[in-house]
């Protein structure tokens, strides 16, 4: 039997990332998807790719509760379609197992319906899984054998990181370079403007797959178009937002960096809403007699949240669009749900309050250093360079 690593992919961006992986020891890559755009893209790239086997056939006796998946949380698909997608992924993996020796299944994030099916299948068949997530640390990516965020082995067993060893000089050199990048004209790659035409074409092709029955419905067309701002949906303008605020002269303040309301981290990994976060920070700042600085996420499209923030702006509550890293540098306290900004604040030795579920809560400076240097994998997500998948052999051997 041919040895393969199976990649389950639903988004074109993840396809671009995973096709960079190459393996040794006669292990090949095999891709499966429910997305017609991803299928056509990978076919064009001459990769081993197949669409899901959509049928009513079932190799399992029951389907787990899928209500905590992204698609169900956001109302993108019905219970019927969710169950159908789950079965389709599971059935496809059963068929592949009859033809190939599956060494490992690579999954992005782990919070989608298909991800659930992949994990359940791997557990039933004693096949290893690897879950991937952007770390937002340049040149590094998060990889874990159990899941990401609160489903990761690191969240469930934070003590595992204590076994890792690091060199203090290496960390200080890394931190020096990191600060040099962040204090320059650094723009997160995912914040750069998308090609709207290509994104629109991708969405429409994917939806054609759903309409023709090639794919199972797992996203809302209107929501995708709204995210892309195709119809120029008007948002509340934060007229009271302050740019280039002089934070050094504020003599300490509480900084709250907001995430997008429908971000996976918020809807899946937290019982705390953005409004709850803001209200908590207001009370905390009043108690400590500090000003409160709030930075809305630039991708936020929820008018209710934007209006709420706008109405708060005043002398003691400042809404700002200033550079995030500068806001962290001069803050006395950073309060967040579970964003990477909290991790950046820890790197700068700031006191951070995490209200959501995140393994960052368990980090002291020692664990932080071990996480950055030894736990994260040295792979740049935003690159076209090939990736030696065999470097992850400790997980898939």
Protein backbone atom coordinates (compact mmCIF):
# COMPACT_ATOMS: atom_id res chain seq x y z
CA UNK A 1 0.00 0.00 0.00
CA UNK A 2 1.15 3.54 -0.73
CA UNK A 3 1.95 5.64 2.32
CA UNK A 4 0.19 9.01 2.50
CA UNK A 5 -0.34 12.00 4.72
CA UNK A 6 -3.94 13.17 4.29
CA UNK A 7 -4.70 16.89 4.30
CA UNK A 8 -8.28 17.98 4.95
CA UNK A 9 -8.71 21.47 3.47
CA UNK A 10 -11.73 23.78 3.07
CA UNK A 11 -10.13 27.14 2.21
CA UNK A 12 -7.90 28.23 -0.65
CA UNK A 13 -5.44 29.96 1.73
CA UNK A 14 -4.90 26.70 3.59
CA UNK A 15 -4.44 24.86 0.30
CA UNK A 16 -1.65 27.28 -0.66
CA UNK A 17 0.02 26.56 2.66
CA UNK A 18 -0.27 22.78 2.70
CA UNK A 19 0.87 22.17 -0.89
CA UNK A 20 4.30 23.39 0.21
CA UNK A 21 4.80 20.25 2.32
CA UNK A 22 7.13 17.56 1.02
CA UNK A 23 7.87 14.18 2.62
CA UNK A 24 10.62 11.57 2.49
CA UNK A 25 10.52 7.78 2.87
CA UNK A 26 8.07 7.34 -0.02
CA UNK A 27 5.31 9.23 1.80
CA UNK A 28 3.02 11.20 -0.52
CA UNK A 29 0.50 13.97 0.09
CA UNK A 30 -3.20 13.30 -0.46
CA UNK A 31 -5.76 16.09 -0.27
CA UNK A 32 -9.50 15.90 0.38
CA UNK A 33 -11.94 18.79 0.34
CA UNK A 34 -15.59 19.79 0.37
CA UNK A 35 -14.80 23.01 -1.50
CA UNK A 36 -14.97 23.15 -5.31
CA UNK A 37 -12.54 26.10 -5.51
CA UNK A 38 -9.95 24.20 -3.48
CA UNK A 39 -10.46 21.11 -5.63
CA UNK A 40 -9.91 23.01 -8.90
CA UNK A 41 -6.90 24.85 -7.50
CA UNK A 42 -5.19 21.65 -6.36
CA UNK A 43 -6.04 19.92 -9.62
CA UNK A 44 -4.38 22.79 -11.44
CA UNK A 45 -1.33 22.31 -9.23
CA UNK A 46 -1.31 18.62 -10.25
CA UNK A 47 -1.75 17.44 -6.68
CA UNK A 48 -3.38 14.20 -5.55
CA UNK A 49 -6.84 15.52 -4.70
CA UNK A 50 -10.38 14.21 -4.31
CA UNK A 51 -13.75 15.72 -3.46
CA UNK A 52 -15.71 14.22 -0.61
CA UNK A 53 -17.71 11.08 -1.19
CA UNK A 54 -21.20 12.51 -0.61
CA UNK A 55 -23.65 9.69 0.09
CA UNK A 56 -26.07 8.44 2.72
CA UNK A 57 -23.79 5.50 3.45
CA UNK A 58 -22.55 5.40 7.05
CA UNK A 59 -19.63 3.57 8.62
CA UNK A 60 -20.48 4.85 12.11
CA UNK A 61 -23.40 4.27 14.45
CA UNK A 62 -23.77 7.82 15.73
CA UNK A 63 -22.71 11.38 15.00
CA UNK A 64 -21.39 13.54 17.86
CA UNK A 65 -22.92 16.85 18.85
CA UNK A 66 -21.67 19.38 16.31
CA UNK A 67 -23.23 22.48 17.88
CA UNK A 68 -19.84 23.83 18.99
CA UNK A 69 -18.36 23.80 15.48
CA UNK A 70 -17.81 27.06 13.62
CA UNK A 71 -20.46 26.32 10.99
CA UNK A 72 -23.16 25.54 13.56
CA UNK A 73 -22.17 28.37 15.91
CA UNK A 74 -22.46 30.91 13.11
CA UNK A 75 -25.60 29.33 11.69
CA UNK A 76 -23.94 28.59 8.35
CA UNK A 77 -25.49 25.15 7.97
CA UNK A 78 -28.43 23.21 9.36
CA UNK A 79 -28.11 20.17 11.59
CA UNK A 80 -29.05 18.01 8.60
CA UNK A 81 -26.27 19.47 6.42
CA UNK A 82 -23.83 19.36 9.32
CA UNK A 83 -24.48 15.65 9.84
CA UNK A 84 -24.24 15.06 6.08
CA UNK A 85 -20.87 16.81 5.88
CA UNK A 86 -19.56 14.87 8.87
CA UNK A 87 -20.58 11.55 7.30
CA UNK A 88 -19.12 12.55 3.94
CA UNK A 89 -15.71 13.28 5.45
CA UNK A 90 -15.76 10.09 7.50
CA UNK A 91 -16.88 7.93 4.55
CA UNK A 92 -14.18 9.42 2.32
CA UNK A 93 -11.50 8.60 4.87
CA UNK A 94 -12.78 5.02 5.18
CA UNK A 95 -12.52 4.60 1.40
CA UNK A 96 -9.02 6.08 1.36
CA UNK A 97 -7.90 3.77 4.15
CA UNK A 98 -8.86 0.80 1.98
CA UNK A 99 -6.52 2.05 -0.73
CA UNK A 100 -3.67 3.76 1.16
CA UNK A 101 -1.68 3.45 4.37
CA UNK A 102 -2.58 6.71 6.10
CA UNK A 103 0.36 7.80 8.25
CA UNK A 104 -1.20 10.99 9.59
CA UNK A 105 -4.02 13.48 8.95
CA UNK A 106 -3.09 17.18 8.83
CA UNK A 107 -5.93 19.48 9.91
CA UNK A 108 -6.21 23.25 10.10
CA UNK A 109 -7.54 24.60 13.41
CA UNK A 110 -9.83 21.66 14.26
CA UNK A 111 -13.06 23.54 14.95
CA UNK A 112 -14.98 22.76 11.77
CA UNK A 113 -17.34 19.87 11.15
CA UNK A 114 -14.95 18.09 8.80
CA UNK A 115 -12.16 18.48 11.36
CA UNK A 116 -14.31 16.71 13.94
CA UNK A 117 -14.83 13.81 11.52
CA UNK A 118 -11.10 13.58 10.82
CA UNK A 119 -10.24 13.45 14.51
CA UNK A 120 -12.90 10.83 15.28
CA UNK A 121 -11.79 8.70 12.35
CA UNK A 122 -8.15 8.90 13.42
CA UNK A 123 -9.01 7.90 16.99
CA UNK A 124 -11.05 4.91 15.79
CA UNK A 125 -8.26 3.75 13.48
CA UNK A 126 -5.23 4.61 15.61
CA UNK A 127 -3.98 7.18 13.09
CA UNK A 128 -2.06 10.23 14.25
CA UNK A 129 -3.34 13.76 13.66
CA UNK A 130 -1.61 17.12 13.55
CA UNK A 131 -3.47 20.39 13.98
CA UNK A 132 -2.09 23.66 12.61
CA UNK A 133 -2.78 27.30 13.49
CA UNK A 134 -1.19 30.66 12.72
CA UNK A 135 0.93 31.79 15.67
CA UNK A 136 1.22 35.45 14.57
CA UNK A 137 4.89 35.18 15.52
CA UNK A 138 7.06 35.79 12.40
CA UNK A 139 8.58 32.60 11.03
CA UNK A 140 6.71 30.28 13.39
CA UNK A 141 3.52 28.26 13.36
CA UNK A 142 1.56 26.39 16.03
CA UNK A 143 1.39 22.59 15.65
CA UNK A 144 -0.17 20.19 18.14
CA UNK A 145 -1.22 16.55 18.07
CA UNK A 146 -4.51 17.08 19.96
CA UNK A 147 -5.91 20.34 18.62
CA UNK A 148 -5.52 24.11 18.79
CA UNK A 149 -6.29 26.67 21.47
CA UNK A 150 -8.29 25.13 24.34
CA UNK A 151 -8.39 21.74 22.59
CA UNK A 152 -4.60 21.52 22.35
CA UNK A 153 -2.45 19.25 24.47
CA UNK A 154 -0.72 22.40 25.68
CA UNK A 155 -3.97 23.76 27.13
CA UNK A 156 -4.95 20.42 28.64
CA UNK A 157 -1.45 19.75 29.99
CA UNK A 158 0.55 23.00 30.30
CA UNK A 159 3.22 21.23 32.35
CA UNK A 160 4.47 19.49 29.18
CA UNK A 161 6.24 22.68 28.15
CA UNK A 162 8.33 22.61 31.34
CA UNK A 163 10.32 19.68 29.96
CA UNK A 164 11.70 21.74 27.09
CA UNK A 165 15.11 23.37 27.28
CA UNK A 166 16.15 26.72 25.86
CA UNK A 167 19.18 28.98 25.83
CA UNK A 168 18.74 32.41 27.44
CA UNK A 169 21.15 34.07 25.00
CA UNK A 170 19.19 32.57 22.11
CA UNK A 171 15.99 34.00 23.55
CA UNK A 172 17.44 37.45 24.09
CA UNK A 173 18.75 37.50 20.51
CA UNK A 174 15.36 36.35 19.24
CA UNK A 175 13.57 39.00 21.29
CA UNK A 176 15.91 41.71 20.02
CA UNK A 177 15.13 40.80 16.41
CA UNK A 178 11.43 40.47 17.16
CA UNK A 179 11.25 43.94 18.71
CA UNK A 180 13.17 45.35 15.77
CA UNK A 181 10.52 43.95 13.42
CA UNK A 182 7.58 45.07 15.53
CA UNK A 183 8.83 48.61 16.11
CA UNK A 184 9.48 49.09 12.40
CA UNK A 185 6.82 49.50 9.74
CA UNK A 186 5.54 45.98 10.38
CA UNK A 187 2.18 44.97 8.94
CA UNK A 188 0.70 41.59 9.73
CA UNK A 189 0.62 39.68 6.41
CA UNK A 190 -3.00 38.69 7.02
CA UNK A 191 -3.87 42.38 7.35
CA UNK A 192 -2.77 43.19 3.82
CA UNK A 193 -5.46 43.89 1.26
CA UNK A 194 -6.96 40.90 -0.49
CA UNK A 195 -7.59 40.77 -4.21
CA UNK A 196 -11.35 41.23 -4.04
CA UNK A 197 -12.00 39.99 -7.56
CA UNK A 198 -10.15 36.71 -7.00
CA UNK A 199 -11.77 36.30 -3.59
CA UNK A 200 -15.21 36.89 -5.10
CA UNK A 201 -14.59 34.37 -7.88
CA UNK A 202 -13.42 31.84 -5.29
CA UNK A 203 -16.58 32.32 -3.21
CA UNK A 204 -18.90 32.01 -6.22
CA UNK A 205 -17.19 28.86 -7.54
CA UNK A 206 -17.44 27.31 -4.07
CA UNK A 207 -21.15 28.14 -3.95
CA UNK A 208 -21.69 26.64 -7.40
CA UNK A 209 -20.33 23.42 -5.94
CA UNK A 210 -23.02 23.61 -3.26
CA UNK A 211 -25.83 24.44 -5.69
CA UNK A 212 -24.92 21.56 -7.99
CA UNK A 213 -24.71 19.07 -5.13
CA UNK A 214 -20.97 18.51 -5.58
CA UNK A 215 -20.34 19.91 -2.09
CA UNK A 216 -22.31 19.99 1.14
CA UNK A 217 -23.55 23.43 2.19
CA UNK A 218 -21.28 24.64 4.99
CA UNK A 219 -21.13 28.42 4.58
CA UNK A 220 -23.48 31.34 4.04
CA UNK A 221 -23.00 33.15 0.73
CA UNK A 222 -24.30 36.44 2.08
CA UNK A 223 -21.93 36.32 5.08
CA UNK A 224 -18.96 35.66 2.81
CA UNK A 225 -19.88 38.55 0.53
CA UNK A 226 -20.44 40.79 3.54
CA UNK A 227 -16.99 39.91 4.94
CA UNK A 228 -15.52 40.83 1.57
CA UNK A 229 -17.54 44.07 1.68
CA UNK A 230 -18.72 43.48 -1.88
CA UNK A 231 -21.84 45.56 -1.40
CA UNK A 232 -20.05 48.33 0.54
CA UNK A 233 -22.07 47.73 3.69
CA UNK A 234 -21.82 50.91 5.75
CA UNK A 235 -20.43 50.63 9.27
CA UNK A 236 -20.60 53.12 12.07
CA UNK A 237 -17.70 55.48 11.70
CA UNK A 238 -15.66 55.82 14.87
CA UNK A 239 -15.61 59.62 14.75
CA UNK A 240 -14.12 59.80 18.23
CA UNK A 241 -11.24 57.47 17.44
CA UNK A 242 -7.82 59.05 17.98
CA UNK A 243 -4.88 58.31 15.71
CA UNK A 244 -1.21 58.59 16.75
CA UNK A 245 -2.03 59.16 20.40
CA UNK A 246 0.90 60.15 22.64
CA UNK A 247 0.74 57.20 25.02
CA UNK A 248 3.97 58.10 26.85
CA UNK A 249 2.33 61.10 28.49
CA UNK A 250 -0.69 59.17 29.77
CA UNK A 251 1.36 57.84 32.71
CA UNK A 252 0.04 54.32 32.47
CA UNK A 253 -3.32 53.03 31.26
CA UNK A 254 -5.37 49.92 30.64
CA UNK A 255 -5.21 48.74 27.04
CA UNK A 256 -7.94 46.60 25.47
CA UNK A 257 -7.23 45.28 21.96
CA UNK A 258 -10.48 43.99 20.48
CA UNK A 259 -10.87 40.89 18.38
CA UNK A 260 -13.45 40.42 15.64
CA UNK A 261 -16.76 39.43 17.21
CA UNK A 262 -17.14 36.29 15.06
CA UNK A 263 -13.49 35.28 15.40
CA UNK A 264 -13.00 31.58 16.15
CA UNK A 265 -11.17 32.48 19.34
CA UNK A 266 -14.20 34.40 20.59
CA UNK A 267 -17.10 32.20 19.51
CA UNK A 268 -15.45 28.81 20.19
CA UNK A 269 -12.81 29.41 22.84
CA UNK A 270 -14.53 31.87 25.12
CA UNK A 271 -17.72 32.41 27.08
CA UNK A 272 -16.88 36.12 27.13
CA UNK A 273 -18.30 38.49 24.51
CA UNK A 274 -16.64 41.70 23.32
CA UNK A 275 -19.16 43.73 25.29
CA UNK A 276 -18.40 41.75 28.46
CA UNK A 277 -14.69 42.35 27.88
CA UNK A 278 -15.20 46.09 27.46
CA UNK A 279 -17.45 46.37 30.54
CA UNK A 280 -14.93 44.42 32.63
CA UNK A 281 -12.11 46.71 31.46
CA UNK A 282 -14.14 49.85 32.24
CA UNK A 283 -14.72 48.70 35.82
CA UNK A 284 -11.08 47.63 36.20
CA UNK A 285 -9.76 50.96 34.93
CA UNK A 286 -12.08 52.89 37.26
CA UNK A 287 -10.93 50.83 40.23
CA UNK A 288 -7.26 51.40 39.39
CA UNK A 289 -7.92 55.08 38.52
CA UNK A 290 -6.41 54.65 35.07
CA UNK A 291 -7.50 55.71 31.63
CA UNK A 292 -8.83 53.02 29.33
CA UNK A 293 -7.63 52.75 25.73
CA UNK A 294 -9.68 50.61 23.35
CA UNK A 295 -8.54 49.64 19.90
CA UNK A 296 -11.28 48.17 17.66
CA UNK A 297 -10.22 45.42 15.28
CA UNK A 298 -9.89 46.87 11.75
CA UNK A 299 -11.87 43.93 10.33
CA UNK A 300 -14.87 44.38 12.64
CA UNK A 301 -18.13 44.62 10.69
CA UNK A 302 -20.69 44.40 13.50
CA UNK A 303 -22.49 47.73 13.65
CA UNK A 304 -23.85 47.07 17.15
CA UNK A 305 -20.35 46.64 18.59
CA UNK A 306 -18.97 49.60 16.67
CA UNK A 307 -21.79 51.85 17.85
CA UNK A 308 -21.33 50.71 21.45
CA UNK A 309 -17.61 51.53 21.32
CA UNK A 310 -18.25 54.89 19.69
CA UNK A 311 -20.70 55.90 22.44
CA UNK A 312 -18.13 55.13 25.14
CA UNK A 313 -15.45 57.51 23.88
CA UNK A 314 -14.63 60.35 26.26
CA UNK A 315 -11.97 61.74 28.58
CA UNK A 316 -11.33 58.51 30.49
CA UNK A 317 -12.16 56.05 27.71
CA UNK A 318 -10.15 56.65 24.56
CA UNK A 319 -10.94 54.84 21.31
CA UNK A 320 -7.83 54.74 19.17
CA UNK A 321 -6.45 53.34 15.93
CA UNK A 322 -2.83 53.88 16.97
CA UNK A 323 -0.13 51.25 16.43
CA UNK A 324 -0.96 48.19 18.55
CA UNK A 325 2.61 47.48 19.58
CA UNK A 326 3.13 51.06 20.79
CA UNK A 327 -0.11 50.81 22.76
CA UNK A 328 1.22 47.67 24.45
CA UNK A 329 4.63 49.18 25.18
CA UNK A 330 3.26 52.04 27.24
CA UNK A 331 0.35 50.23 28.90
CA UNK A 332 0.38 49.29 32.55
CA UNK A 333 -2.14 46.47 32.06
CA UNK A 334 -3.47 44.68 28.98
CA UNK A 335 -6.87 43.00 29.09
CA UNK A 336 -7.96 40.68 26.30
CA UNK A 337 -10.11 37.64 25.67
CA UNK A 338 -7.48 35.34 24.17
CA UNK A 339 -5.78 37.21 21.33
CA UNK A 340 -2.13 37.07 20.26
CA UNK A 341 -1.82 40.69 21.43
CA UNK A 342 -1.87 39.22 24.92
CA UNK A 343 1.11 37.06 23.98
CA UNK A 344 2.95 40.10 22.64
CA UNK A 345 2.25 41.88 25.92
CA UNK A 346 3.79 38.96 27.83
CA UNK A 347 6.91 39.24 25.66
CA UNK A 348 7.14 42.87 26.78
CA UNK A 349 6.77 41.75 30.43
CA UNK A 350 3.37 43.40 30.82
CA UNK A 351 0.71 42.29 33.28
CA UNK A 352 -1.99 40.63 31.17
CA UNK A 353 -5.51 39.54 32.08
CA UNK A 354 -6.98 36.86 29.79
CA UNK A 355 -10.75 36.48 30.12
CA UNK A 356 -11.16 33.65 27.60
CA UNK A 357 -9.80 30.12 27.34
CA UNK A 358 -6.15 30.15 26.31
CA UNK A 359 -2.96 28.41 27.34
CA UNK A 360 -1.32 31.85 27.57
CA UNK A 361 -2.98 32.09 31.00
CA UNK A 362 -0.55 29.48 32.26
CA UNK A 363 2.59 31.24 30.98
CA UNK A 364 5.20 32.70 33.27
CA UNK A 365 8.36 34.05 31.66
CA UNK A 366 10.05 30.63 31.60
CA UNK A 367 7.14 28.95 29.85
CA UNK A 368 6.84 31.88 27.48
CA UNK A 369 10.45 31.51 26.36
CA UNK A 370 10.14 27.75 25.91
CA UNK A 371 6.93 28.17 23.93
CA UNK A 372 8.43 30.73 21.55
CA UNK A 373 11.76 28.99 20.99
CA UNK A 374 10.99 25.29 21.31
CA UNK A 375 7.25 24.61 21.08
CA UNK A 376 6.35 26.65 18.01
CA UNK A 377 7.57 25.14 14.75
CA UNK A 378 9.93 27.16 12.52
CA UNK A 379 7.67 27.41 9.48
CA UNK A 380 6.65 30.74 7.90
CA UNK A 381 2.98 30.57 6.97
CA UNK A 382 3.13 33.56 4.63
CA UNK A 383 5.72 32.21 2.23
CA UNK A 384 6.06 30.15 -0.93
CA UNK A 385 9.06 28.18 0.30
CA UNK A 386 8.84 24.40 0.43
CA UNK A 387 8.33 22.83 3.84
CA UNK A 388 10.08 19.67 4.95
CA UNK A 389 7.09 17.72 6.23
CA UNK A 390 9.44 15.00 7.40
CA UNK A 391 10.66 17.44 10.08
CA UNK A 392 7.40 16.56 11.82
CA UNK A 393 8.29 12.87 11.66
CA UNK A 394 8.31 12.62 15.46
CA UNK A 395 4.53 12.98 15.26
CA UNK A 396 3.88 10.69 12.30
CA UNK A 397 6.45 7.90 12.63
